[in-house]
């Protein structure tokens, strides 16, 4: 492969890279610049190269310089965590919480046999479990997962408080704690919808 072919392939690879990074299909990009998707396809297959004016327009559109189309994009593979790996990381961290809960339950069962509510340990374990889920879904930008995790944290926290007051520390109308969870749940849903709307508006602007 001569230098011209290498350069053409590099440009083609970068055109694909920046298009996908912007979250666009070939058709969406073509429509934005009033070109046919066949032209975009030819550019990305290395069958042709956009002229300087088009290259400048594309660079401005992606917020880069023309020189960036001639640079090898280095992808940090250490940060590319697959969905399966993410699942196992989350599962492992939550599993550790339940291991500690199980060991604590056994300790109470053997050494504090008079304590009748040792099963509450597993209810309490739900709180750190959902806290971890909130953390991981935030890190991995899983908005729906984050909403579900926050919802789980709200209601398991309310359940833990309710059972503690209802069983171990009898308190009248302890069920009213669940009322606090309602506005918190509404706020969580509104936050999710707001973030979703903002992302959709960004995509519309890109188009």
C-alpha atoms as a PDB file:
ATOM      1  CA  UNK A   1       0.000   0.000   0.000  1.00  0.00           C
ATOM      2  CA  UNK A   2       1.549   3.305  -1.114  1.00  0.00           C
ATOM      3  CA  UNK A   3       1.417   6.586   0.796  1.00  0.00           C
ATOM      4  CA  UNK A   4      -1.611   7.856  -1.131  1.00  0.00           C
ATOM      5  CA  UNK A   5      -3.625   4.729  -0.342  1.00  0.00           C
ATOM      6  CA  UNK A   6      -2.586   4.893   3.316  1.00  0.00           C
ATOM      7  CA  UNK A   7      -3.637   8.536   3.530  1.00  0.00           C
ATOM      8  CA  UNK A   8      -6.964   7.831   1.834  1.00  0.00           C
ATOM      9  CA  UNK A   9      -7.649   4.937   4.213  1.00  0.00           C
ATOM     10  CA  UNK A  10      -6.686   7.072   7.207  1.00  0.00           C
ATOM     11  CA  UNK A  11      -9.092   9.819   6.138  1.00  0.00           C
ATOM     12  CA  UNK A  12     -11.829   7.237   5.554  1.00  0.00           C
ATOM     13  CA  UNK A  13     -11.268   5.700   8.993  1.00  0.00           C
ATOM     14  CA  UNK A  14     -11.392   9.127  10.631  1.00  0.00           C
ATOM     15  CA  UNK A  15     -14.549  10.081   8.780  1.00  0.00           C
ATOM     16  CA  UNK A  16     -16.174   6.959  10.191  1.00  0.00           C
ATOM     17  CA  UNK A  17     -14.706   7.624  13.645  1.00  0.00           C
ATOM     18  CA  UNK A  18     -15.990  11.198  13.970  1.00  0.00           C
ATOM     19  CA  UNK A  19     -19.380  10.390  12.435  1.00  0.00           C
ATOM     20  CA  UNK A  20     -19.995   7.578  14.905  1.00  0.00           C
ATOM     21  CA  UNK A  21     -18.639   9.699  17.738  1.00  0.00           C
ATOM     22  CA  UNK A  22     -21.291  12.282  16.856  1.00  0.00           C
ATOM     23  CA  UNK A  23     -23.928   9.520  16.916  1.00  0.00           C
ATOM     24  CA  UNK A  24     -24.914   9.958  13.275  1.00  0.00           C
ATOM     25  CA  UNK A  25     -25.741   7.554  10.482  1.00  0.00           C
ATOM     26  CA  UNK A  26     -24.399   8.067   6.973  1.00  0.00           C
ATOM     27  CA  UNK A  27     -27.848   9.210   5.871  1.00  0.00           C
ATOM     28  CA  UNK A  28     -28.166  11.760   8.684  1.00  0.00           C
ATOM     29  CA  UNK A  29     -24.763  13.217   7.899  1.00  0.00           C
ATOM     30  CA  UNK A  30     -25.518  13.336   4.184  1.00  0.00           C
ATOM     31  CA  UNK A  31     -28.838  15.101   4.756  1.00  0.00           C
ATOM     32  CA  UNK A  32     -27.170  17.705   6.972  1.00  0.00           C
ATOM     33  CA  UNK A  33     -24.741  18.658   4.190  1.00  0.00           C
ATOM     34  CA  UNK A  34     -27.205  18.114   1.329  1.00  0.00           C
ATOM     35  CA  UNK A  35     -25.200  15.191  -0.047  1.00  0.00           C
ATOM     36  CA  UNK A  36     -26.339  11.692  -0.892  1.00  0.00           C
ATOM     37  CA  UNK A  37     -25.589   8.877   1.500  1.00  0.00           C
ATOM     38  CA  UNK A  38     -23.790   7.179  -1.400  1.00  0.00           C
ATOM     39  CA  UNK A  39     -21.227   9.990  -1.402  1.00  0.00           C
ATOM     40  CA  UNK A  40     -20.655   9.586   2.340  1.00  0.00           C
ATOM     41  CA  UNK A  41     -20.378   5.836   1.859  1.00  0.00           C
ATOM     42  CA  UNK A  42     -17.720   6.296  -0.840  1.00  0.00           C
ATOM     43  CA  UNK A  43     -15.729   8.602   1.417  1.00  0.00           C
ATOM     44  CA  UNK A  44     -15.818   6.086   4.263  1.00  0.00           C
ATOM     45  CA  UNK A  45     -14.879   3.182   1.979  1.00  0.00           C
ATOM     46  CA  UNK A  46     -11.917   5.162   0.684  1.00  0.00           C
ATOM     47  CA  UNK A  47     -13.216   5.186  -2.874  1.00  0.00           C
ATOM     48  CA  UNK A  48     -13.114   8.984  -2.943  1.00  0.00           C
ATOM     49  CA  UNK A  49     -12.005  11.854  -0.726  1.00  0.00           C
ATOM     50  CA  UNK A  50     -14.063  14.964   0.113  1.00  0.00           C
ATOM     51  CA  UNK A  51     -12.644  18.154  -1.355  1.00  0.00           C
ATOM     52  CA  UNK A  52     -11.037  20.793   0.856  1.00  0.00           C
ATOM     53  CA  UNK A  53     -14.232  22.823   1.257  1.00  0.00           C
ATOM     54  CA  UNK A  54     -16.215  19.778   2.397  1.00  0.00           C
ATOM     55  CA  UNK A  55     -13.380  18.685   4.691  1.00  0.00           C
ATOM     56  CA  UNK A  56     -13.371  22.125   6.323  1.00  0.00           C
ATOM     57  CA  UNK A  57     -17.159  22.009   6.730  1.00  0.00           C
ATOM     58  CA  UNK A  58     -16.955  18.551   8.289  1.00  0.00           C
ATOM     59  CA  UNK A  59     -14.149  19.644  10.615  1.00  0.00           C
ATOM     60  CA  UNK A  60     -16.143  22.668  11.780  1.00  0.00           C
ATOM     61  CA  UNK A  61     -19.194  20.464  12.239  1.00  0.00           C
ATOM     62  CA  UNK A  62     -17.286  18.015  14.462  1.00  0.00           C
ATOM     63  CA  UNK A  63     -15.426  20.793  16.293  1.00  0.00           C
ATOM     64  CA  UNK A  64     -11.998  19.684  15.074  1.00  0.00           C
ATOM     65  CA  UNK A  65      -9.408  20.828  12.513  1.00  0.00           C
ATOM     66  CA  UNK A  66      -8.746  19.399   9.057  1.00  0.00           C
ATOM     67  CA  UNK A  67      -5.431  18.062  10.383  1.00  0.00           C
ATOM     68  CA  UNK A  68      -7.362  15.753  12.720  1.00  0.00           C
ATOM     69  CA  UNK A  69      -8.587  13.800   9.685  1.00  0.00           C
ATOM     70  CA  UNK A  70      -4.942  12.939   8.987  1.00  0.00           C
ATOM     71  CA  UNK A  71      -4.154  11.801  12.541  1.00  0.00           C
ATOM     72  CA  UNK A  72      -4.351   8.235  13.827  1.00  0.00           C
ATOM     73  CA  UNK A  73      -7.027   8.115  16.504  1.00  0.00           C
ATOM     74  CA  UNK A  74      -5.722   6.360  19.596  1.00  0.00           C
ATOM     75  CA  UNK A  75      -8.477   4.606  21.452  1.00  0.00           C
ATOM     76  CA  UNK A  76      -7.855   3.783  25.091  1.00  0.00           C
ATOM     77  CA  UNK A  77      -8.950   0.158  25.073  1.00  0.00           C
ATOM     78  CA  UNK A  78      -8.544  -0.059  28.849  1.00  0.00           C
ATOM     79  CA  UNK A  79     -11.628   2.136  29.169  1.00  0.00           C
ATOM     80  CA  UNK A  80     -13.727   0.159  26.732  1.00  0.00           C
ATOM     81  CA  UNK A  81     -15.618  -2.010  29.164  1.00  0.00           C
ATOM     82  CA  UNK A  82     -18.109  -4.316  27.526  1.00  0.00           C
ATOM     83  CA  UNK A  83     -21.664  -4.666  28.778  1.00  0.00           C
ATOM     84  CA  UNK A  84     -20.858  -8.165  30.037  1.00  0.00           C
ATOM     85  CA  UNK A  85     -17.892  -6.929  32.067  1.00  0.00           C
ATOM     86  CA  UNK A  86     -19.980  -4.117  33.481  1.00  0.00           C
ATOM     87  CA  UNK A  87     -22.621  -6.614  34.528  1.00  0.00           C
ATOM     88  CA  UNK A  88     -20.090  -8.806  36.334  1.00  0.00           C
ATOM     89  CA  UNK A  89     -18.497  -5.806  38.079  1.00  0.00           C
ATOM     90  CA  UNK A  90     -21.891  -4.683  39.345  1.00  0.00           C
ATOM     91  CA  UNK A  91     -22.873  -8.236  40.276  1.00  0.00           C
ATOM     92  CA  UNK A  92     -19.607  -8.768  42.168  1.00  0.00           C
ATOM     93  CA  UNK A  93     -19.895  -5.548  44.178  1.00  0.00           C
ATOM     94  CA  UNK A  94     -23.521  -6.234  45.124  1.00  0.00           C
ATOM     95  CA  UNK A  95     -22.646  -9.867  45.857  1.00  0.00           C
ATOM     96  CA  UNK A  96     -20.044  -8.728  48.400  1.00  0.00           C
ATOM     97  CA  UNK A  97     -22.742  -6.784  50.230  1.00  0.00           C
ATOM     98  CA  UNK A  98     -24.874  -9.898  50.477  1.00  0.00           C
ATOM     99  CA  UNK A  99     -21.910 -11.976  51.594  1.00  0.00           C
ATOM    100  CA  UNK A 100     -21.360  -9.588  54.489  1.00  0.00           C
ATOM    101  CA  UNK A 101     -25.108  -9.686  55.212  1.00  0.00           C
ATOM    102  CA  UNK A 102     -25.106 -13.496  55.248  1.00  0.00           C
ATOM    103  CA  UNK A 103     -22.085 -13.626  57.576  1.00  0.00           C
ATOM    104  CA  UNK A 104     -23.713 -11.087  59.886  1.00  0.00           C
ATOM    105  CA  UNK A 105     -26.916 -13.119  59.889  1.00  0.00           C
ATOM    106  CA  UNK A 106     -24.981 -16.255  60.867  1.00  0.00           C
ATOM    107  CA  UNK A 107     -23.191 -14.353  63.635  1.00  0.00           C
ATOM    108  CA  UNK A 108     -26.513 -13.160  65.080  1.00  0.00           C
ATOM    109  CA  UNK A 109     -28.017 -16.642  64.726  1.00  0.00           C
ATOM    110  CA  UNK A 110     -25.185 -18.322  66.644  1.00  0.00           C
ATOM    111  CA  UNK A 111     -24.304 -15.725  69.283  1.00  0.00           C
ATOM    112  CA  UNK A 112     -27.484 -13.670  69.668  1.00  0.00           C
ATOM    113  CA  UNK A 113     -30.151 -16.316  69.543  1.00  0.00           C
ATOM    114  CA  UNK A 114     -32.561 -14.241  71.604  1.00  0.00           C
ATOM    115  CA  UNK A 115     -32.650 -11.567  68.904  1.00  0.00           C
ATOM    116  CA  UNK A 116     -35.830 -12.336  66.955  1.00  0.00           C
ATOM    117  CA  UNK A 117     -35.331  -9.921  64.123  1.00  0.00           C
ATOM    118  CA  UNK A 118     -32.022 -11.027  62.668  1.00  0.00           C
ATOM    119  CA  UNK A 119     -33.774 -11.476  59.293  1.00  0.00           C
ATOM    120  CA  UNK A 120     -33.919  -7.679  59.086  1.00  0.00           C
ATOM    121  CA  UNK A 121     -30.241  -7.812  58.161  1.00  0.00           C
ATOM    122  CA  UNK A 122     -31.232  -8.844  54.649  1.00  0.00           C
ATOM    123  CA  UNK A 123     -33.697  -5.960  54.432  1.00  0.00           C
ATOM    124  CA  UNK A 124     -30.982  -3.538  55.511  1.00  0.00           C
ATOM    125  CA  UNK A 125     -28.612  -5.072  52.946  1.00  0.00           C
ATOM    126  CA  UNK A 126     -30.878  -3.762  50.203  1.00  0.00           C
ATOM    127  CA  UNK A 127     -29.837  -0.178  51.004  1.00  0.00           C
ATOM    128  CA  UNK A 128     -26.074  -0.530  50.333  1.00  0.00           C
ATOM    129  CA  UNK A 129     -26.924  -2.738  47.362  1.00  0.00           C
ATOM    130  CA  UNK A 130     -28.964   0.029  45.735  1.00  0.00           C
ATOM    131  CA  UNK A 131     -26.356   2.621  46.705  1.00  0.00           C
ATOM    132  CA  UNK A 132     -23.784   0.616  44.761  1.00  0.00           C
ATOM    133  CA  UNK A 133     -26.190   0.333  41.840  1.00  0.00           C
ATOM    134  CA  UNK A 134     -26.651   4.114  41.890  1.00  0.00           C
ATOM    135  CA  UNK A 135     -22.878   4.582  41.809  1.00  0.00           C
ATOM    136  CA  UNK A 136     -22.236   2.101  38.984  1.00  0.00           C
ATOM    137  CA  UNK A 137     -25.138   3.234  36.820  1.00  0.00           C
ATOM    138  CA  UNK A 138     -23.903   6.814  37.244  1.00  0.00           C
ATOM    139  CA  UNK A 139     -20.376   5.840  36.208  1.00  0.00           C
ATOM    140  CA  UNK A 140     -21.618   3.906  33.170  1.00  0.00           C
ATOM    141  CA  UNK A 141     -24.188   6.597  32.254  1.00  0.00           C
ATOM    142  CA  UNK A 142     -27.112   4.167  32.357  1.00  0.00           C
ATOM    143  CA  UNK A 143     -29.921   6.669  32.881  1.00  0.00           C
ATOM    144  CA  UNK A 144     -32.793   4.181  33.101  1.00  0.00           C
ATOM    145  CA  UNK A 145     -30.734   1.936  35.368  1.00  0.00           C
ATOM    146  CA  UNK A 146     -29.932   4.957  37.528  1.00  0.00           C
ATOM    147  CA  UNK A 147     -33.625   5.838  37.819  1.00  0.00           C
ATOM    148  CA  UNK A 148     -34.501   2.278  38.842  1.00  0.00           C
ATOM    149  CA  UNK A 149     -31.607   2.198  41.330  1.00  0.00           C
ATOM    150  CA  UNK A 150     -32.646   5.500  42.925  1.00  0.00           C
ATOM    151  CA  UNK A 151     -36.237   4.262  43.098  1.00  0.00           C
ATOM    152  CA  UNK A 152     -35.093   1.059  44.766  1.00  0.00           C
ATOM    153  CA  UNK A 153     -32.989   3.039  47.239  1.00  0.00           C
ATOM    154  CA  UNK A 154     -35.929   5.285  48.138  1.00  0.00           C
ATOM    155  CA  UNK A 155     -38.367   2.489  48.848  1.00  0.00           C
ATOM    156  CA  UNK A 156     -35.977   0.032  50.521  1.00  0.00           C
ATOM    157  CA  UNK A 157     -34.837   2.839  52.821  1.00  0.00           C
ATOM    158  CA  UNK A 158     -38.458   3.593  53.672  1.00  0.00           C
ATOM    159  CA  UNK A 159     -39.132  -0.120  54.221  1.00  0.00           C
ATOM    160  CA  UNK A 160     -36.115  -0.484  56.517  1.00  0.00           C
ATOM    161  CA  UNK A 161     -37.137   2.500  58.624  1.00  0.00           C
ATOM    162  CA  UNK A 162     -40.744   1.309  58.776  1.00  0.00           C
ATOM    163  CA  UNK A 163     -39.836  -2.210  59.909  1.00  0.00           C
ATOM    164  CA  UNK A 164     -37.348  -0.903  62.470  1.00  0.00           C
ATOM    165  CA  UNK A 165     -39.965   1.331  64.107  1.00  0.00           C
ATOM    166  CA  UNK A 166     -42.827  -1.118  63.677  1.00  0.00           C
ATOM    167  CA  UNK A 167     -41.003  -4.147  65.133  1.00  0.00           C
ATOM    168  CA  UNK A 168     -38.084  -3.128  67.306  1.00  0.00           C
ATOM    169  CA  UNK A 169     -39.034   0.394  68.314  1.00  0.00           C
ATOM    170  CA  UNK A 170     -42.849   0.492  68.167  1.00  0.00           C
ATOM    171  CA  UNK A 171     -43.918   3.881  66.906  1.00  0.00           C
ATOM    172  CA  UNK A 172     -47.504   4.909  66.056  1.00  0.00           C
ATOM    173  CA  UNK A 173     -48.260   5.580  62.409  1.00  0.00           C
ATOM    174  CA  UNK A 174     -44.780   4.455  61.363  1.00  0.00           C
ATOM    175  CA  UNK A 175     -46.243   3.623  57.931  1.00  0.00           C
ATOM    176  CA  UNK A 176     -46.337   7.361  57.209  1.00  0.00           C
ATOM    177  CA  UNK A 177     -42.647   7.109  56.297  1.00  0.00           C
ATOM    178  CA  UNK A 178     -43.757   5.820  52.893  1.00  0.00           C
ATOM    179  CA  UNK A 179     -45.448   9.153  52.180  1.00  0.00           C
ATOM    180  CA  UNK A 180     -42.008  10.794  52.094  1.00  0.00           C
ATOM    181  CA  UNK A 181     -41.007   8.385  49.359  1.00  0.00           C
ATOM    182  CA  UNK A 182     -43.730   9.625  46.997  1.00  0.00           C
ATOM    183  CA  UNK A 183     -42.323  13.130  46.317  1.00  0.00           C
ATOM    184  CA  UNK A 184     -38.813  11.688  46.173  1.00  0.00           C
ATOM    185  CA  UNK A 185     -39.972   9.192  43.553  1.00  0.00           C
ATOM    186  CA  UNK A 186     -41.683  11.938  41.555  1.00  0.00           C
ATOM    187  CA  UNK A 187     -38.515  14.051  41.649  1.00  0.00           C
ATOM    188  CA  UNK A 188     -36.453  11.082  40.447  1.00  0.00           C
ATOM    189  CA  UNK A 189     -38.804  10.514  37.503  1.00  0.00           C
ATOM    190  CA  UNK A 190     -38.836  14.218  36.589  1.00  0.00           C
ATOM    191  CA  UNK A 191     -35.030  14.290  36.726  1.00  0.00           C
ATOM    192  CA  UNK A 192     -34.877  11.273  34.407  1.00  0.00           C
ATOM    193  CA  UNK A 193     -37.316  12.843  31.931  1.00  0.00           C
ATOM    194  CA  UNK A 194     -35.386  16.131  32.008  1.00  0.00           C
ATOM    195  CA  UNK A 195     -32.078  14.410  31.262  1.00  0.00           C
ATOM    196  CA  UNK A 196     -33.722  12.415  28.480  1.00  0.00           C
ATOM    197  CA  UNK A 197     -35.184  15.577  26.932  1.00  0.00           C
ATOM    198  CA  UNK A 198     -31.837  17.373  27.097  1.00  0.00           C
ATOM    199  CA  UNK A 199     -30.102  14.500  25.313  1.00  0.00           C
ATOM    200  CA  UNK A 200     -32.765  14.354  22.607  1.00  0.00           C
ATOM    201  CA  UNK A 201     -32.463  18.117  22.070  1.00  0.00           C
ATOM    202  CA  UNK A 202     -28.694  17.771  21.682  1.00  0.00           C
ATOM    203  CA  UNK A 203     -29.185  15.095  19.036  1.00  0.00           C
ATOM    204  CA  UNK A 204     -31.647  17.361  17.216  1.00  0.00           C
ATOM    205  CA  UNK A 205     -29.137  20.214  17.239  1.00  0.00           C
ATOM    206  CA  UNK A 206     -26.437  17.914  15.862  1.00  0.00           C
ATOM    207  CA  UNK A 207     -28.702  16.946  13.008  1.00  0.00           C
END
